[in-house]
Protein backbone atom coordinates (compact mmCIF):
# COMPACT_ATOMS: atom_id res chain seq x y z
CA MET A 1 -37.72 31.44 15.15
CA ASN A 2 -35.09 29.57 17.04
CA GLN A 3 -35.22 26.83 18.95
CA GLN A 4 -36.48 28.75 22.15
CA GLY A 5 -39.16 30.09 20.20
CA VAL A 6 -37.58 34.00 20.62
CA ARG A 7 -37.24 36.11 17.72
CA TRP A 8 -36.27 40.18 17.87
CA THR A 9 -37.98 42.75 15.64
CA ALA A 10 -35.53 44.57 13.69
CA GLU A 11 -36.93 47.70 15.75
CA GLN A 12 -35.67 45.91 18.77
CA VAL A 13 -32.31 45.35 17.40
CA LEU A 14 -32.02 48.95 16.23
CA ALA A 15 -33.07 50.28 19.67
CA LEU A 16 -29.51 48.77 20.84
CA ALA A 17 -27.74 51.06 18.42
CA PRO A 18 -25.51 53.68 20.26
CA ASP A 19 -26.16 56.20 18.00
CA ASP A 20 -28.00 57.09 14.46
CA ALA A 21 -24.54 56.53 12.58
CA SER A 22 -24.16 52.82 13.77
CA ARG A 23 -28.11 52.14 13.36
CA ARG A 24 -27.74 53.33 9.61
CA ALA A 25 -24.47 51.35 9.29
CA GLY A 26 -25.70 48.33 10.89
CA GLY A 27 -28.92 48.33 8.67
CA ARG A 28 -26.49 48.19 5.56
CA LEU A 29 -24.76 45.16 7.10
CA GLY A 30 -28.29 43.55 7.84
CA THR A 31 -28.02 41.51 4.35
CA ALA A 32 -26.70 38.34 3.45
CA GLY A 33 -23.91 39.48 1.04
CA PRO A 34 -21.20 40.43 3.50
CA TRP A 35 -21.83 37.53 5.82
CA SER A 36 -20.38 33.92 5.73
CA GLY A 37 -19.81 31.01 8.46
CA GLY A 38 -22.63 32.25 10.59
CA GLY A 39 -24.94 30.65 12.79
CA SER A 40 -27.18 30.54 15.74
CA ASP A 41 -28.19 28.10 18.48
CA GLY A 42 -30.99 27.57 21.16
CA SER A 43 -28.80 29.02 23.96
CA GLY A 44 -29.14 32.70 22.41
CA ALA A 45 -25.75 32.86 20.71
CA VAL A 46 -25.34 34.15 17.22
CA TRP A 47 -22.07 34.57 15.16
CA GLY A 48 -21.02 35.05 11.79
CA LEU A 49 -17.84 36.30 9.51
CA CYS A 50 -18.38 39.82 7.94
CA LYS A 51 -16.39 40.70 4.93
CA GLY A 52 -14.72 44.24 5.50
CA SER A 53 -12.14 46.40 3.88
CA GLY A 54 -9.13 44.11 4.98
CA SER A 55 -8.01 40.64 3.79
CA LYS A 56 -9.43 38.80 7.05
CA PRO A 57 -13.33 39.20 7.93
CA TYR A 58 -14.47 40.38 11.00
CA ARG A 59 -15.46 37.86 13.78
CA THR A 60 -18.75 39.01 15.15
CA VAL A 61 -20.46 36.82 18.17
CA VAL A 62 -23.51 38.05 20.12
CA ASP A 63 -25.15 36.51 23.18
CA THR A 64 -28.74 37.72 22.90
CA THR A 65 -29.17 36.68 26.95
CA GLY A 66 -27.18 39.80 28.00
CA PRO A 67 -27.05 41.07 25.38
CA ALA A 68 -23.39 41.20 24.85
CA CYS A 69 -20.98 40.83 21.86
CA LYS A 70 -17.77 40.90 20.82
CA CYS A 71 -16.30 41.76 17.29
CA SER A 72 -12.51 41.74 15.97
CA CYS A 73 -13.26 45.09 14.45
CA PRO A 74 -11.52 48.34 15.90
CA SER A 75 -14.87 50.03 16.75
CA ARG A 76 -15.14 51.36 20.24
CA LYS A 77 -18.92 51.48 19.88
CA PHE A 78 -21.13 48.86 21.66
CA PRO A 79 -22.42 47.59 20.10
CA CYS A 80 -20.86 48.13 16.82
CA LYS A 81 -22.33 47.98 13.45
CA HIS A 82 -21.23 44.30 12.56
CA ALA A 83 -23.08 43.07 15.53
CA LEU A 84 -26.11 45.30 14.78
CA GLY A 85 -25.95 43.94 11.00
CA LEU A 86 -25.70 40.41 12.50
CA LEU A 87 -28.83 40.73 14.87
CA LEU A 88 -30.56 42.10 12.06
CA LEU A 89 -30.08 39.17 9.82
CA TRP A 90 -30.72 36.83 12.86
CA ALA A 91 -34.21 38.81 13.35
CA ALA A 92 -34.88 38.21 9.72
CA ASP A 93 -34.17 34.67 9.79
CA GLY A 94 -31.47 35.22 7.52
CA GLU A 95 -29.88 32.12 5.43
CA PRO A 96 -26.15 32.93 6.68
CA VAL A 97 -27.31 32.60 10.38
CA ARG A 98 -29.15 29.26 10.17
CA GLY A 99 -25.98 27.25 10.78
CA SER A 100 -25.71 25.61 13.91
CA ASP A 101 -21.64 24.50 14.15
CA MET A 102 -20.18 26.87 16.22
CA PRO A 103 -16.43 28.00 15.54
CA ASP A 104 -13.81 27.87 18.24
CA TRP A 105 -13.17 31.47 18.74
CA ALA A 106 -17.25 32.07 19.20
CA GLU A 107 -17.22 29.08 21.73
CA GLN A 108 -14.31 30.30 23.76
CA TRP A 109 -15.73 33.92 24.15
CA LEU A 110 -19.16 32.41 25.28
CA ALA A 111 -17.83 29.81 27.71
CA GLY A 112 -15.63 32.68 29.28
CA ARG A 113 -18.36 35.11 29.31
CA ARG A 114 -21.09 32.74 31.16
CA ALA A 115 -18.33 31.31 33.14
CA ARG A 116 -17.63 34.94 34.74
CA ALA A 117 -21.50 35.37 35.30
CA SER A 118 -21.83 32.19 37.13
CA GLY A 119 -18.52 32.68 38.89
CA GLY A 120 -17.42 29.56 37.86
CA PRO A 121 -14.18 28.38 36.71
CA GLY A 122 -12.46 31.25 34.55
CA GLY A 123 -14.82 33.64 35.98
CA GLY A 124 -12.34 35.89 37.61
CA ALA A 125 -12.18 34.26 40.84
CA GLY A 126 -8.89 33.74 42.14
CA GLU A 127 -6.96 35.67 39.02
CA GLY A 128 -4.41 38.16 40.00
CA PRO A 129 -3.16 39.14 43.56
CA PRO A 130 -5.30 38.83 46.09
CA ALA A 131 -7.20 42.20 47.01
CA ARG A 132 -5.95 43.76 50.16
CA ASN A 133 -8.32 43.93 53.20
CA ALA A 134 -9.90 47.52 53.31
CA ASP A 135 -8.94 49.37 56.53
CA PRO A 136 -12.30 50.60 57.79
CA GLU A 137 -10.70 53.28 60.07
CA ALA A 138 -9.22 54.73 57.12
CA ALA A 139 -12.59 54.30 55.13
CA ARG A 140 -14.34 56.12 58.11
CA ARG A 141 -11.94 59.00 58.05
CA ARG A 142 -12.17 59.62 54.55
CA ALA A 143 -15.97 59.54 54.35
CA GLU A 144 -15.85 62.09 57.45
CA GLN A 145 -13.62 64.36 55.52
CA ARG A 146 -15.68 64.26 52.38
CA ALA A 147 -18.68 64.85 54.37
CA ALA A 148 -16.94 68.00 55.88
CA ARG A 149 -16.14 69.35 52.39
CA ILE A 150 -19.70 68.75 51.02
CA THR A 151 -20.97 70.89 54.18
CA ALA A 152 -18.57 73.55 53.43
CA GLY A 153 -19.94 73.41 49.82
CA ALA A 154 -23.54 73.53 50.86
CA GLU A 155 -23.11 76.36 53.32
CA GLU A 156 -21.46 78.41 50.67
CA LEU A 157 -24.10 77.51 48.20
CA GLU A 158 -26.56 78.90 50.95
CA GLN A 159 -24.75 82.10 50.97
CA ARG A 160 -25.07 82.30 47.21
CA LEU A 161 -28.97 81.83 47.01
CA ALA A 162 -29.35 84.39 49.80
CA ASP A 163 -27.25 86.91 47.82
CA LEU A 164 -29.26 85.97 44.83
CA LEU A 165 -32.62 86.74 46.68
CA ARG A 166 -31.44 89.83 48.29
CA GLY A 167 -30.36 91.41 45.18
CA GLY A 168 -33.66 90.35 43.17
CA LEU A 169 -34.03 87.28 40.77
CA ALA A 170 -33.73 90.17 37.96
CA SER A 171 -29.99 90.36 38.85
CA ALA A 172 -29.48 86.60 37.67
CA GLY A 173 -30.03 87.68 34.04
CA ARG A 174 -27.66 90.39 34.21
CA SER A 175 -24.56 88.59 35.94
CA GLY A 176 -24.56 86.01 32.96
CA TYR A 177 -23.48 82.32 33.34
CA GLY A 178 -19.89 82.80 34.54
CA LEU A 179 -20.84 83.31 38.14
CA TRP A 180 -22.89 80.19 38.25
CA GLU A 181 -20.24 78.16 36.64
CA GLU A 182 -17.80 79.34 39.25
CA THR A 183 -20.30 78.35 41.75
CA ALA A 184 -20.60 74.92 40.31
CA ALA A 185 -16.93 74.50 40.18
CA ARG A 186 -16.75 75.00 43.96
CA MET A 187 -19.31 72.47 44.29
CA VAL A 188 -17.06 70.12 42.29
CA ASP A 189 -14.00 71.06 44.63
CA ALA A 190 -16.33 70.11 47.51
CA GLN A 191 -16.87 66.80 46.00
CA ALA A 192 -20.48 67.29 45.77
CA PRO A 193 -21.46 66.67 42.01
CA GLY A 194 -25.37 66.47 42.71
CA LEU A 195 -25.06 70.10 44.06
CA ALA A 196 -22.80 70.89 41.23
CA GLY A 197 -25.37 69.77 38.66
CA ARG A 198 -28.30 71.64 40.27
CA VAL A 199 -26.30 75.12 40.24
CA ARG A 200 -25.45 74.38 36.31
CA GLU A 201 -29.35 73.94 35.61
CA LEU A 202 -29.65 77.30 37.73
CA GLY A 203 -27.45 79.13 35.52
CA ALA A 204 -29.10 77.97 32.44
CA ILE A 205 -32.47 79.43 33.37
CA PRO A 206 -32.10 83.13 33.18
CA GLY A 207 -32.94 84.03 29.67
CA SER A 208 -34.58 80.87 28.64
CA GLY A 209 -37.82 82.04 27.82
CA PRO A 210 -40.91 83.79 29.04
CA GLY A 211 -41.62 83.11 32.89
CA TRP A 212 -37.74 82.36 33.77
CA PRO A 213 -38.04 84.35 36.98
CA VAL A 214 -40.66 81.83 38.41
CA ARG A 215 -38.86 78.69 37.26
CA LEU A 216 -35.63 79.99 38.94
CA LEU A 217 -37.31 80.70 42.02
CA GLU A 218 -38.86 77.06 42.16
CA GLU A 219 -35.47 75.54 41.38
CA CYS A 220 -33.56 77.76 43.76
CA SER A 221 -36.35 76.68 46.55
CA LEU A 222 -35.30 72.94 46.00
CA THR A 223 -31.85 73.80 45.97
CA HIS A 224 -32.26 75.65 49.34
CA LEU A 225 -34.45 72.49 50.48
CA LEU A 226 -31.39 69.98 49.14
CA ASP A 227 -28.92 72.20 51.35
CA ARG A 228 -30.90 72.16 54.50
CA ALA A 229 -31.57 68.61 54.43
CA TRP A 230 -27.77 67.79 53.97
CA LEU A 231 -26.79 70.05 56.68
CA ASP A 232 -29.31 68.28 59.13
CA VAL A 233 -28.94 64.84 57.47
CA GLU A 234 -28.31 63.12 60.65
CA ARG A 235 -31.43 63.94 62.22
CA LEU A 236 -33.51 62.56 59.02
CA PRO A 237 -35.16 59.09 58.83
CA GLU A 238 -32.82 56.86 57.28
CA PRO A 239 -34.55 56.42 53.79
CA LEU A 240 -34.81 59.96 53.48
CA ALA A 241 -31.01 60.58 54.61
CA ALA A 242 -30.08 57.96 51.97
CA THR A 243 -32.19 59.87 49.18
CA VAL A 244 -30.18 63.16 50.41
CA ARG A 245 -26.96 61.51 50.33
CA THR A 246 -27.33 60.15 46.69
CA ARG A 247 -28.98 63.81 45.76
CA VAL A 248 -25.92 65.59 46.76
CA GLY A 249 -23.67 63.10 45.05
CA LEU A 250 -22.49 60.34 47.43
CA THR A 251 -22.51 57.12 45.95
CA ALA A 252 -23.94 53.71 47.47
CA PRO A 253 -23.87 50.17 46.56
CA ALA A 254 -27.03 48.33 45.26
CA ASP A 255 -27.50 46.37 48.89
CA GLY A 256 -31.37 46.05 48.79
CA PRO A 257 -32.86 42.43 48.74
CA ALA A 258 -32.98 40.91 45.17
CA VAL A 259 -36.04 40.76 43.57
CA ARG A 260 -36.60 37.86 41.04
CA ASP A 261 -39.51 38.46 38.57
CA HIS A 262 -40.22 38.51 34.91
CA TRP A 263 -39.35 41.92 34.29
CA SER A 264 -40.75 43.77 31.04
CA VAL A 265 -38.59 45.89 29.20
CA LEU A 266 -40.66 49.25 28.85
CA ALA A 267 -38.34 51.65 27.49
CA GLN A 268 -34.50 52.50 26.74
CA TYR A 269 -33.14 56.07 26.01
CA ASP A 270 -30.03 57.89 26.00
CA THR A 271 -29.23 61.32 27.09
CA SER A 272 -25.93 63.25 26.98
CA ASP A 273 -24.43 66.47 28.11
CA GLY A 274 -21.14 66.37 25.88
CA LYS A 275 -19.11 64.32 28.33
CA LEU A 276 -21.10 61.70 29.45
CA THR A 277 -24.27 59.64 27.80
CA THR A 278 -26.54 58.49 30.54
CA ARG A 279 -28.80 55.37 29.41
CA ARG A 280 -32.08 54.64 31.06
CA VAL A 281 -33.96 51.37 30.80
CA TRP A 282 -37.10 50.93 32.58
CA LEU A 283 -38.32 47.60 33.82
CA HIS A 284 -41.86 46.42 35.16
CA GLY A 285 -42.18 43.27 37.18
CA ARG A 286 -45.00 41.37 35.87
CA SER A 287 -45.57 39.78 39.57
CA SER A 288 -44.18 42.16 41.98
CA GLY A 289 -45.86 45.35 40.25
CA ARG A 290 -42.60 46.98 40.87
CA ALA A 291 -40.97 49.52 38.63
CA ALA A 292 -37.06 49.39 38.39
CA LEU A 293 -34.44 51.82 36.54
CA LEU A 294 -31.37 50.66 35.40
CA LEU A 295 -28.74 53.35 34.82
CA SER A 296 -25.27 53.13 32.88
CA PHE A 297 -23.05 55.58 31.72
CA GLY A 298 -20.55 56.01 28.93
CA ALA A 299 -17.86 58.43 28.49
CA ALA A 300 -17.57 60.50 25.38
CA GLY A 301 -17.61 58.24 22.01
CA ARG A 302 -18.76 55.14 24.10
CA ALA A 303 -22.04 53.61 24.68
CA PRO A 304 -23.25 52.74 27.89
CA GLY A 305 -22.86 49.17 28.90
CA ILE A 306 -26.43 48.14 29.80
CA ALA A 307 -28.49 47.53 26.49
CA LEU A 308 -31.98 45.48 26.57
CA PRO A 309 -34.40 45.49 23.63
CA VAL A 310 -37.94 47.12 24.32
CA GLY A 311 -40.67 44.75 24.17
CA VAL A 312 -39.34 41.67 25.58
CA VAL A 313 -39.42 40.03 29.18
CA ILE A 314 -36.56 38.69 31.26
CA ASP A 315 -36.52 36.42 34.15
CA ALA A 316 -33.87 38.07 36.23
CA GLU A 317 -32.95 39.41 39.65
CA VAL A 318 -32.90 43.20 40.18
CA ARG A 319 -31.25 44.56 43.40
CA PRO A 320 -32.59 48.09 44.36
CA TYR A 321 -30.35 50.98 45.50
CA PRO A 322 -31.09 52.40 48.80
CA GLY A 323 -33.13 55.55 49.50
CA ALA A 324 -36.80 56.64 49.96
CA GLY A 325 -38.72 56.31 46.83
CA GLN A 326 -35.71 55.22 44.84
CA LEU A 327 -36.62 53.28 41.61
CA ARG A 328 -32.60 52.59 40.70
CA ALA A 329 -31.86 49.13 40.69
CA GLU A 330 -29.09 46.74 39.29
CA LEU A 331 -29.60 43.97 37.05
CA GLY A 332 -28.23 40.38 38.55
CA GLU A 333 -28.49 37.07 37.27
CA GLN A 334 -30.80 36.38 34.48
CA PHE A 335 -32.19 32.85 34.49
CA ALA A 336 -33.54 32.34 30.72
CA LEU A 337 -33.45 33.87 27.34
CA PRO A 338 -35.68 36.75 26.70
CA VAL A 339 -39.19 36.23 25.65
CA PRO A 340 -41.64 38.71 23.55
CA ASP A 341 -44.01 40.82 25.92
CA ALA A 342 -47.38 39.72 25.79
CA GLY A 343 -48.65 43.50 26.15
CA PRO A 344 -48.62 46.57 28.26
CA PRO A 345 -48.45 46.93 32.18
CA PRO A 346 -51.46 47.96 34.24
CA GLY A 347 -52.00 51.30 33.95
CA GLY A 348 -54.68 54.09 34.74
CA THR A 349 -55.86 57.48 34.20
CA VAL A 350 -54.30 61.01 34.21
CA ALA A 351 -55.69 61.65 37.80
CA ASP A 352 -54.09 58.12 38.78
CA ALA A 353 -50.74 59.26 37.25
CA LEU A 354 -50.72 62.55 39.01
CA ALA A 355 -51.45 61.06 41.96
CA ALA A 356 -48.47 58.44 41.72
CA TYR A 357 -46.13 61.48 41.16
CA GLY A 358 -47.44 63.14 43.99
CA THR A 359 -47.04 60.35 46.30
CA ALA A 360 -43.44 59.66 45.12
CA LEU A 361 -42.58 63.44 45.64
CA CYS A 362 -43.53 63.01 49.42
CA ASP A 363 -40.50 60.43 49.51
CA ASP A 364 -37.94 62.55 47.19
CA PRO A 365 -38.86 66.03 46.81
CA TRP A 366 -36.39 66.60 43.99
CA LEU A 367 -37.80 64.15 41.84
CA ASP A 368 -38.46 65.30 38.23
CA SER A 369 -40.75 62.55 37.22
CA TRP A 370 -42.23 59.34 37.91
CA PRO A 371 -42.86 56.13 35.71
CA VAL A 372 -46.57 55.81 34.91
CA THR A 373 -48.76 54.11 32.22
CA LEU A 374 -51.58 55.84 30.57
CA THR A 375 -54.63 53.69 29.59
CA GLY A 376 -57.22 54.72 27.32
CA ALA A 377 -55.19 58.00 26.00
CA ILE A 378 -55.81 60.13 23.40
CA PRO A 379 -52.81 62.19 21.90
CA ALA A 380 -54.27 65.31 20.61
CA PRO A 381 -52.92 69.24 19.98
CA SER A 382 -53.36 71.14 23.05
CA GLY A 383 -54.25 74.45 21.00
CA ASP A 384 -51.05 76.56 22.29
CA GLY A 385 -48.85 74.73 20.04
CA GLY A 386 -48.31 71.79 22.15
CA TRP A 387 -49.60 68.43 22.68
CA GLN A 388 -51.41 66.78 25.19
CA LEU A 389 -52.67 63.30 26.44
CA ALA A 390 -56.09 63.25 27.36
CA ASP A 391 -58.36 60.44 28.85
CA ALA A 392 -60.86 59.24 26.58
CA ASP A 393 -63.74 60.87 28.27
CA GLY A 394 -62.16 64.05 28.04
CA GLY A 395 -61.98 64.44 31.77
CA SER A 396 -58.30 65.26 32.23
CA ALA A 397 -55.23 65.90 30.39
CA LEU A 398 -51.36 65.90 30.79
CA PRO A 399 -49.32 68.16 28.42
CA VAL A 400 -46.57 66.64 26.58
CA VAL A 401 -43.11 68.19 27.84
CA ALA A 402 -41.64 70.46 25.30
CA THR A 403 -38.67 68.49 24.65
CA ALA A 404 -40.58 65.97 23.08
CA LEU A 405 -42.36 68.14 20.74
CA GLY A 406 -40.09 67.98 17.87
CA ARG A 407 -39.06 64.26 18.06
CA PRO A 408 -40.39 61.44 15.67
CA GLY A 409 -41.64 59.75 18.39
CA LEU A 410 -44.76 62.12 19.15
CA TRP A 411 -45.69 61.59 15.36
CA ARG A 412 -45.29 57.80 15.75
CA LEU A 413 -47.83 57.93 18.55
CA ALA A 414 -50.36 60.28 16.62
CA ALA A 415 -50.27 57.62 13.84
CA LEU A 416 -50.64 54.70 16.16
CA SER A 417 -53.47 56.50 17.81
CA GLY A 418 -55.46 57.78 14.64
CA GLY A 419 -57.81 59.51 17.25
CA ARG A 420 -58.57 56.43 18.98
CA PRO A 421 -57.48 55.33 22.62
CA VAL A 422 -53.84 53.99 23.02
CA THR A 423 -51.94 53.03 25.93
CA VAL A 424 -48.78 54.93 26.63
CA PHE A 425 -45.86 54.32 28.99
CA GLY A 426 -43.82 57.29 30.14
CA GLU A 427 -42.49 59.83 32.68
CA CYS A 428 -45.21 62.19 34.56
CA GLY A 429 -43.29 65.05 36.31
CA HIS A 430 -43.78 68.86 36.95
CA ARG A 431 -43.09 69.53 33.18
CA GLY A 432 -45.56 67.31 31.91
CA PHE A 433 -45.50 63.90 30.46
CA THR A 434 -42.62 62.49 28.54
CA PRO A 435 -44.11 59.57 26.33
CA LEU A 436 -41.86 56.54 25.67
CA THR A 437 -43.50 53.42 24.48
CA ALA A 438 -47.07 52.80 23.18
CA TRP A 439 -49.68 50.09 22.67
CA SER A 440 -52.45 49.94 20.23
CA ALA A 441 -55.62 47.78 20.92
CA GLU A 442 -55.46 46.58 17.26
CA THR A 443 -52.08 45.17 17.54
CA PRO A 444 -50.00 43.76 20.37
CA GLU A 445 -46.61 45.43 18.98
CA THR A 446 -44.69 47.38 21.08
CA VAL A 447 -44.06 50.78 19.64
CA THR A 448 -40.85 52.74 21.00
CA LEU A 449 -41.40 56.50 20.99
CA THR A 450 -37.73 57.56 21.83
């Protein structure tokens, strides 16, 4: 343990890896062999020199309070394999990181990073030329022009949906994906990326398996609802109007009141569409009981910026984004080092999870899923080739989403349970339940399922 009594597990370290290749490479560097000149201190800093293929070793330093890292290697991944290896060595309390004399290069980076975080000297204030004052009138005109383009795009999409229904849903299977992609491109031109994304999802449904006409009709209905909501957005209550603006693709700052709490890091996982990697981090406020979703993005080949180890608690502020039922927030100031979590958040039954999702849909009809914690749940095959999470009394069950059936996490969950009730955190939606993290009564360890 370090001076603050905080020590991550190897699983928490590897959860920060941007991809499987980095995870494997970092694992190979998590031994004492390539490291020298290392150390750690009670402020959350870990540093070391890693021997590479060149004549000079790579200088690697990690601030575990972020976490954030810097390495002199040429890798563009975050964190790189050297940072992962260093953290694995630190997690194992390895001899090379027991020193306490911080070198100048590590101290300079840490001082600069923490000064920027606190807004102190060297934090970037006053650097460079002063920013020009924004012209509010010009900003208003740009906003009106974009709104007009989005309106034109929404009206065109309404016509496309009307033509589809007039010709029958079966025609969608014959026209191919090209027409949908053309429509999506028109939505991009209209500066409505949210509508473009929904159109691409519509184009992928025909031919996706048995029952696709029903799924297509459902998604067409939701897209029509979003179109109509945008066209009448000025008549909507402001929280719902903010949700509609977000759903069509308009961005807004996280300007809600900051909420300070001890936030449990419940889950972290990445999704990619080939061009952009999206990282989702779920937090739960121990005192407020609030859930918060941190989103970060990385272009192809680069990992998203936010990385928090699952199974720790951070004393921090989060600032919510606007919108009815919106859980997205922005991570603000952190006031202490992360500490190990003491156990799962409060949860409920399958009926409680469905009720929570139903209530959230009242605020945001386009919501795909909602974070819930199931207590006393037993994973078991459902008899139709799938899996389900059932209440211990056998009264109700939630199907596991099809996308999770082939992942190792499902088998990890089954092994953890062994037929006994467990606590599972995940996302409950109209497609089923996505398990993300689990806890067993026999052990306090947090088990990631992603």
